[in-house]
Each structure stands twice: as C-alpha cells, then as structure tokens.
C-alpha cells in the first residue's frame, strides 16, 4: 500500500505568485500548469545560502540600529 500524495499547496503557491512575483489574482488563475511550473522552477531548484554567503550578505546589508 502506498501513501496518498500530499495535497497541492495552493495557499503557498498563491502567496508566492501574488507577493513575490507580483502577479495579479487574474494572472494567477489564468496561468496554465506549465506556466506555474516555470514560474516556480527557480524556487524548487534554489538552495539556501551557505554560511559564508549569509555572512557576506549580512556584512553588505547590516541591520539599521534601533531608534532610541
């Protein structure tokens, strides 16, 4: 007996497309499965930054000091 596949993460995909890709709701719902796959391809293939990359980014973009 095989496990049932996980349900499609509609909320996460919708949030990514609307917030990160700046798609309109109409663009999202008109997108074909192939268009969604291409749009999300970089997300699925990207790896988190290494410690060295994160340290470099933190040096390049330090947090602003808190207002007193």
PDB file of N, CA and C in Angstrom:
ATOM      1  N   UNK A   1       0.835  -1.183   0.000  1.00  0.00           N
ATOM      2  CA  UNK A   1       0.000   0.000   0.000  1.00  0.00           C
ATOM      3  C   UNK A   1       0.884   1.253   0.000  1.00  0.00           C
ATOM      4  N   UNK A   2       0.646   2.156  -0.907  1.00  0.00           N
ATOM      5  CA  UNK A   2       1.446   3.377  -0.961  1.00  0.00           C
ATOM      6  C   UNK A   2       0.702   4.518  -0.275  1.00  0.00           C
ATOM      7  N   UNK A   3       1.494   5.449   0.220  1.00  0.00           N
ATOM      8  CA  UNK A   3       0.907   6.606   0.904  1.00  0.00           C
ATOM      9  C   UNK A   3       0.239   7.524  -0.120  1.00  0.00           C
ATOM     10  N   UNK A   4      -0.806   8.174   0.308  1.00  0.00           N
ATOM     11  CA  UNK A   4      -1.501   9.123  -0.564  1.00  0.00           C
ATOM     12  C   UNK A   4      -0.591  10.320  -0.827  1.00  0.00           C
ATOM     13  N   UNK A   5      -0.620  10.858  -2.025  1.00  0.00           N
ATOM     14  CA  UNK A   5       0.207  12.036  -2.304  1.00  0.00           C
ATOM     15  C   UNK A   5      -0.260  13.227  -1.474  1.00  0.00           C
ATOM     16  N   UNK A   6       0.686  14.102  -1.181  1.00  0.00           N
ATOM     17  CA  UNK A   6       0.354  15.309  -0.418  1.00  0.00           C
ATOM     18  C   UNK A   6      -0.537  16.208  -1.273  1.00  0.00           C
ATOM     19  N   UNK A   7      -1.471  16.905  -0.653  1.00  0.00           N
ATOM     20  CA  UNK A   7      -2.316  17.825  -1.430  1.00  0.00           C
ATOM     21  C   UNK A   7      -1.474  18.970  -1.990  1.00  0.00           C
ATOM     22  N   UNK A   8      -1.930  19.525  -3.094  1.00  0.00           N
ATOM     23  CA  UNK A   8      -1.209  20.638  -3.709  1.00  0.00           C
ATOM     24  C   UNK A   8      -1.242  21.840  -2.772  1.00  0.00           C
ATOM     25  N   UNK A   9      -0.103  22.494  -2.542  1.00  0.00           N
ATOM     26  CA  UNK A   9      -0.040  23.629  -1.601  1.00  0.00           C
ATOM     27  C   UNK A   9      -0.546  24.936  -2.219  1.00  0.00           C
ATOM     28  N   UNK A  10      -1.840  25.002  -2.487  1.00  0.00           N
ATOM     29  CA  UNK A  10      -2.415  26.169  -3.158  1.00  0.00           C
ATOM     30  C   UNK A  10      -2.112  27.470  -2.438  1.00  0.00           C
ATOM     31  N   UNK A  11      -2.253  27.493  -1.107  1.00  0.00           N
ATOM     32  CA  UNK A  11      -2.031  28.742  -0.367  1.00  0.00           C
ATOM     33  C   UNK A  11      -0.601  29.240  -0.536  1.00  0.00           C
ATOM     34  N   UNK A  12       0.367  28.332  -0.449  1.00  0.00           N
ATOM     35  CA  UNK A  12       1.770  28.724  -0.579  1.00  0.00           C
ATOM     36  C   UNK A  12       2.078  29.212  -1.995  1.00  0.00           C
ATOM     37  N   UNK A  13       1.566  28.511  -2.992  1.00  0.00           N
ATOM     38  CA  UNK A  13       1.816  28.898  -4.384  1.00  0.00           C
ATOM     39  C   UNK A  13       1.135  30.227  -4.703  1.00  0.00           C
ATOM     40  N   UNK A  14      -0.097  30.379  -4.270  1.00  0.00           N
ATOM     41  CA  UNK A  14      -0.814  31.636  -4.492  1.00  0.00           C
ATOM     42  C   UNK A  14      -0.080  32.786  -3.815  1.00  0.00           C
ATOM     43  N   UNK A  15       0.331  32.593  -2.565  1.00  0.00           N
ATOM     44  CA  UNK A  15       1.063  33.632  -1.848  1.00  0.00           C
ATOM     45  C   UNK A  15       2.360  34.006  -2.539  1.00  0.00           C
ATOM     46  N   UNK A  16       3.091  33.009  -3.029  1.00  0.00           N
ATOM     47  CA  UNK A  16       4.350  33.276  -3.718  1.00  0.00           C
ATOM     48  C   UNK A  16       4.108  34.078  -4.996  1.00  0.00           C
ATOM     49  N   UNK A  17       3.139  33.643  -5.774  1.00  0.00           N
ATOM     50  CA  UNK A  17       2.873  34.320  -7.053  1.00  0.00           C
ATOM     51  C   UNK A  17       2.368  35.749  -6.848  1.00  0.00           C
ATOM     52  N   UNK A  18       1.509  35.957  -5.854  1.00  0.00           N
ATOM     53  CA  UNK A  18       0.973  37.303  -5.628  1.00  0.00           C
ATOM     54  C   UNK A  18       2.002  38.217  -4.977  1.00  0.00           C
ATOM     55  N   UNK A  19       2.744  37.707  -4.000  1.00  0.00           N
ATOM     56  CA  UNK A  19       3.654  38.555  -3.234  1.00  0.00           C
ATOM     57  C   UNK A  19       5.039  38.682  -3.848  1.00  0.00           C
ATOM     58  N   UNK A  20       5.625  37.580  -4.245  1.00  0.00           N
ATOM     59  CA  UNK A  20       6.993  37.618  -4.771  1.00  0.00           C
ATOM     60  C   UNK A  20       7.045  37.946  -6.255  1.00  0.00           C
ATOM     61  N   UNK A  21       6.162  37.320  -7.017  1.00  0.00           N
ATOM     62  CA  UNK A  21       6.176  37.545  -8.462  1.00  0.00           C
ATOM     63  C   UNK A  21       5.322  38.738  -8.871  1.00  0.00           C
ATOM     64  N   UNK A  22       4.524  39.248  -7.941  1.00  0.00           N
ATOM     65  CA  UNK A  22       3.662  40.416  -8.162  1.00  0.00           C
ATOM     66  C   UNK A  22       2.624  40.167  -9.254  1.00  0.00           C
ATOM     67  N   UNK A  23       2.158  38.917  -9.351  1.00  0.00           N
ATOM     68  CA  UNK A  23       1.085  38.603 -10.292  1.00  0.00           C
ATOM     69  C   UNK A  23      -0.221  39.135  -9.723  1.00  0.00           C
ATOM     70  N   UNK A  24      -1.133  39.485 -10.596  1.00  0.00           N
ATOM     71  CA  UNK A  24      -2.489  39.822 -10.152  1.00  0.00           C
ATOM     72  C   UNK A  24      -3.226  38.504  -9.914  1.00  0.00           C
ATOM     73  N   UNK A  25      -4.297  38.522  -9.117  1.00  0.00           N
ATOM     74  CA  UNK A  25      -5.081  37.291  -8.958  1.00  0.00           C
ATOM     75  C   UNK A  25      -5.551  36.738 -10.303  1.00  0.00           C
ATOM     76  N   UNK A  26      -5.938  37.627 -11.202  1.00  0.00           N
ATOM     77  CA  UNK A  26      -6.388  37.166 -12.520  1.00  0.00           C
ATOM     78  C   UNK A  26      -5.267  36.439 -13.254  1.00  0.00           C
ATOM     79  N   UNK A  27      -4.044  36.979 -13.194  1.00  0.00           N
ATOM     80  CA  UNK A  27      -2.913  36.319 -13.855  1.00  0.00           C
ATOM     81  C   UNK A  27      -2.662  34.944 -13.256  1.00  0.00           C
ATOM     82  N   UNK A  28      -2.761  34.859 -11.926  1.00  0.00           N
ATOM     83  CA  UNK A  28      -2.540  33.569 -11.271  1.00  0.00           C
ATOM     84  C   UNK A  28      -3.552  32.538 -11.747  1.00  0.00           C
ATOM     85  N   UNK A  29      -4.826  32.885 -11.700  1.00  0.00           N
ATOM     86  CA  UNK A  29      -5.860  31.913 -12.036  1.00  0.00           C
ATOM     87  C   UNK A  29      -5.930  31.618 -13.525  1.00  0.00           C
ATOM     88  N   UNK A  30      -5.370  32.484 -14.367  1.00  0.00           N
ATOM     89  CA  UNK A  30      -5.335  32.223 -15.808  1.00  0.00           C
ATOM     90  C   UNK A  30      -4.097  31.411 -16.200  1.00  0.00           C
ATOM     91  N   UNK A  31      -3.119  31.311 -15.307  1.00  0.00           N
ATOM     92  CA  UNK A  31      -1.874  30.603 -15.625  1.00  0.00           C
ATOM     93  C   UNK A  31      -2.142  29.116 -15.848  1.00  0.00           C
ATOM     94  N   UNK A  32      -1.444  28.572 -16.817  1.00  0.00           N
ATOM     95  CA  UNK A  32      -1.549  27.136 -17.079  1.00  0.00           C
ATOM     96  C   UNK A  32      -0.630  26.391 -16.109  1.00  0.00           C
ATOM     97  N   UNK A  33      -0.832  25.094 -15.943  1.00  0.00           N
ATOM     98  CA  UNK A  33       0.092  24.329 -15.093  1.00  0.00           C
ATOM     99  C   UNK A  33       1.553  24.479 -15.537  1.00  0.00           C
ATOM    100  N   UNK A  34       1.782  24.528 -16.838  1.00  0.00           N
ATOM    101  CA  UNK A  34       3.158  24.702 -17.328  1.00  0.00           C
ATOM    102  C   UNK A  34       3.712  26.066 -16.914  1.00  0.00           C
ATOM    103  N   UNK A  35       2.905  27.116 -17.012  1.00  0.00           N
ATOM    104  CA  UNK A  35       3.362  28.452 -16.607  1.00  0.00           C
ATOM    105  C   UNK A  35       3.668  28.495 -15.114  1.00  0.00           C
ATOM    106  N   UNK A  36       2.832  27.859 -14.312  1.00  0.00           N
ATOM    107  CA  UNK A  36       3.111  27.795 -12.875  1.00  0.00           C
ATOM    108  C   UNK A  36       4.410  27.053 -12.610  1.00  0.00           C
ATOM    109  N   UNK A  37       4.615  25.938 -13.294  1.00  0.00           N
ATOM    110  CA  UNK A  37       5.837  25.157 -13.093  1.00  0.00           C
ATOM    111  C   UNK A  37       7.076  25.968 -13.447  1.00  0.00           C
ATOM    112  N   UNK A  38       7.018  26.703 -14.544  1.00  0.00           N
ATOM    113  CA  UNK A  38       8.158  27.529 -14.946  1.00  0.00           C
ATOM    114  C   UNK A  38       8.375  28.658 -13.939  1.00  0.00           C
ATOM    115  N   UNK A  39       7.298  29.307 -13.515  1.00  0.00           N
ATOM    116  CA  UNK A  39       7.410  30.414 -12.559  1.00  0.00           C
ATOM    117  C   UNK A  39       7.970  29.942 -11.224  1.00  0.00           C
ATOM    118  N   UNK A  40       7.618  28.737 -10.814  1.00  0.00           N
ATOM    119  CA  UNK A  40       8.070  28.207  -9.532  1.00  0.00           C
ATOM    120  C   UNK A  40       9.355  27.410  -9.650  1.00  0.00           C
ATOM    121  N   UNK A  41       9.852  27.206 -10.859  1.00  0.00           N
ATOM    122  CA  UNK A  41      11.038  26.378 -11.067  1.00  0.00           C
ATOM    123  C   UNK A  41      12.242  26.833 -10.284  1.00  0.00           C
ATOM    124  N   UNK A  42      12.514  28.127 -10.261  1.00  0.00           N
ATOM    125  CA  UNK A  42      13.671  28.629  -9.532  1.00  0.00           C
ATOM    126  C   UNK A  42      13.525  28.423  -8.039  1.00  0.00           C
ATOM    127  N   UNK A  43      12.316  28.471  -7.536  1.00  0.00           N
ATOM    128  CA  UNK A  43      12.082  28.277  -6.105  1.00  0.00           C
ATOM    129  C   UNK A  43      12.420  26.846  -5.719  1.00  0.00           C
ATOM    130  N   UNK A  44      11.940  25.904  -6.507  1.00  0.00           N
ATOM    131  CA  UNK A  44      12.170  24.498  -6.197  1.00  0.00           C
ATOM    132  C   UNK A  44      13.638  24.124  -6.358  1.00  0.00           C
ATOM    133  N   UNK A  45      14.326  24.747  -7.303  1.00  0.00           N
ATOM    134  CA  UNK A  45      15.707  24.375  -7.588  1.00  0.00           C
ATOM    135  C   UNK A  45      16.717  25.132  -6.739  1.00  0.00           C
ATOM    136  N   UNK A  46      16.310  26.210  -6.111  1.00  0.00           N
ATOM    137  CA  UNK A  46      17.276  27.019  -5.380  1.00  0.00           C
ATOM    138  C   UNK A  46      17.607  26.409  -4.025  1.00  0.00           C
ATOM    139  N   UNK A  47      18.854  26.556  -3.649  1.00  0.00           N
ATOM    140  CA  UNK A  47      19.322  26.062  -2.358  1.00  0.00           C
ATOM    141  C   UNK A  47      19.464  27.252  -1.412  1.00  0.00           C
ATOM    142  N   UNK A  48      19.376  27.003  -0.120  1.00  0.00           N
ATOM    143  CA  UNK A  48      19.579  28.109   0.820  1.00  0.00           C
ATOM    144  C   UNK A  48      21.029  28.580   0.755  1.00  0.00           C
ATOM    145  N   UNK A  49      21.286  29.811   1.179  1.00  0.00           N
ATOM    146  CA  UNK A  49      22.666  30.301   1.144  1.00  0.00           C
ATOM    147  C   UNK A  49      23.545  29.534   2.124  1.00  0.00           C
ATOM    148  N   UNK A  50      24.821  29.426   1.779  1.00  0.00           N
ATOM    149  CA  UNK A  50      25.780  28.799   2.691  1.00  0.00           C
ATOM    150  C   UNK A  50      26.064  29.775   3.828  1.00  0.00           C
ATOM    151  N   UNK A  51      26.748  29.297   4.854  1.00  0.00           N
ATOM    152  CA  UNK A  51      27.113  30.189   5.971  1.00  0.00           C
ATOM    153  C   UNK A  51      27.968  31.351   5.478  1.00  0.00           C
ATOM    154  N   UNK A  52      28.899  31.057   4.570  1.00  0.00           N
ATOM    155  CA  UNK A  52      29.778  32.106   4.044  1.00  0.00           C
ATOM    156  C   UNK A  52      28.972  33.135   3.247  1.00  0.00           C
ATOM    157  N   UNK A  53      28.039  32.670   2.430  1.00  0.00           N
ATOM    158  CA  UNK A  53      27.205  33.596   1.656  1.00  0.00           C
ATOM    159  C   UNK A  53      26.335  34.445   2.572  1.00  0.00           C
ATOM    160  N   UNK A  54      25.778  33.828   3.597  1.00  0.00           N
ATOM    161  CA  UNK A  54      24.951  34.568   4.543  1.00  0.00           C
ATOM    162  C   UNK A  54      25.776  35.620   5.281  1.00  0.00           C
ATOM    163  N   UNK A  55      26.981  35.251   5.706  1.00  0.00           N
ATOM    164  CA  UNK A  55      27.857  36.204   6.395  1.00  0.00           C
ATOM    165  C   UNK A  55      28.191  37.380   5.478  1.00  0.00           C
ATOM    166  N   UNK A  56      28.467  37.091   4.203  1.00  0.00           N
ATOM    167  CA  UNK A  56      28.779  38.148   3.245  1.00  0.00           C
ATOM    168  C   UNK A  56      27.580  39.082   3.065  1.00  0.00           C
ATOM    169  N   UNK A  57      26.392  38.511   2.949  1.00  0.00           N
ATOM    170  CA  UNK A  57      25.187  39.330   2.808  1.00  0.00           C
ATOM    171  C   UNK A  57      24.937  40.177   4.055  1.00  0.00           C
ATOM    172  N   UNK A  58      25.184  39.602   5.220  1.00  0.00           N
ATOM    173  CA  UNK A  58      24.969  40.348   6.471  1.00  0.00           C
ATOM    174  C   UNK A  58      25.955  41.504   6.592  1.00  0.00           C
ATOM    175  N   UNK A  59      27.191  41.303   6.119  1.00  0.00           N
ATOM    176  CA  UNK A  59      28.164  42.404   6.132  1.00  0.00           C
ATOM    177  C   UNK A  59      27.767  43.483   5.124  1.00  0.00           C
ATOM    178  N   UNK A  60      27.291  43.065   3.973  1.00  0.00           N
ATOM    179  CA  UNK A  60      26.929  44.020   2.924  1.00  0.00           C
ATOM    180  C   UNK A  60      25.653  44.787   3.252  1.00  0.00           C
ATOM    181  N   UNK A  61      24.760  44.154   4.004  1.00  0.00           N
ATOM    182  CA  UNK A  61      23.457  44.765   4.308  1.00  0.00           C
ATOM    183  C   UNK A  61      23.146  44.633   5.799  1.00  0.00           C
ATOM    184  N   UNK A  62      23.894  45.361   6.645  1.00  0.00           N
ATOM    185  CA  UNK A  62      23.650  45.235   8.087  1.00  0.00           C
ATOM    186  C   UNK A  62      22.296  45.822   8.481  1.00  0.00           C
ATOM    187  N   UNK A  63      21.768  45.298   9.573  1.00  0.00           N
ATOM    188  CA  UNK A  63      20.527  45.852  10.114  1.00  0.00           C
ATOM    189  C   UNK A  63      20.783  47.274  10.581  1.00  0.00           C
ATOM    190  N   UNK A  64      19.811  48.124  10.391  1.00  0.00           N
ATOM    191  CA  UNK A  64      19.921  49.501  10.870  1.00  0.00           C
ATOM    192  C   UNK A  64      19.822  49.486  12.390  1.00  0.00           C
ATOM    193  N   UNK A  65      20.566  50.359  13.060  1.00  0.00           N
ATOM    194  CA  UNK A  65      20.450  50.403  14.520  1.00  0.00           C
ATOM    195  C   UNK A  65      19.034  50.806  14.931  1.00  0.00           C
ATOM    196  N   UNK A  66      18.611  50.278  16.047  1.00  0.00           N
ATOM    197  CA  UNK A  66      17.274  50.594  16.557  1.00  0.00           C
ATOM    198  C   UNK A  66      17.201  52.069  16.930  1.00  0.00           C
ATOM    199  N   UNK A  67      16.065  52.675  16.693  1.00  0.00           N
ATOM    200  CA  UNK A  67      15.859  54.079  17.065  1.00  0.00           C
ATOM    201  C   UNK A  67      15.783  54.192  18.580  1.00  0.00           C
ATOM    202  N   UNK A  68      16.398  55.222  19.117  1.00  0.00           N
ATOM    203  CA  UNK A  68      16.388  55.405  20.577  1.00  0.00           C
ATOM    204  C   UNK A  68      15.220  56.243  21.009  1.00  0.00           C
TER     205      UNK A  68
END
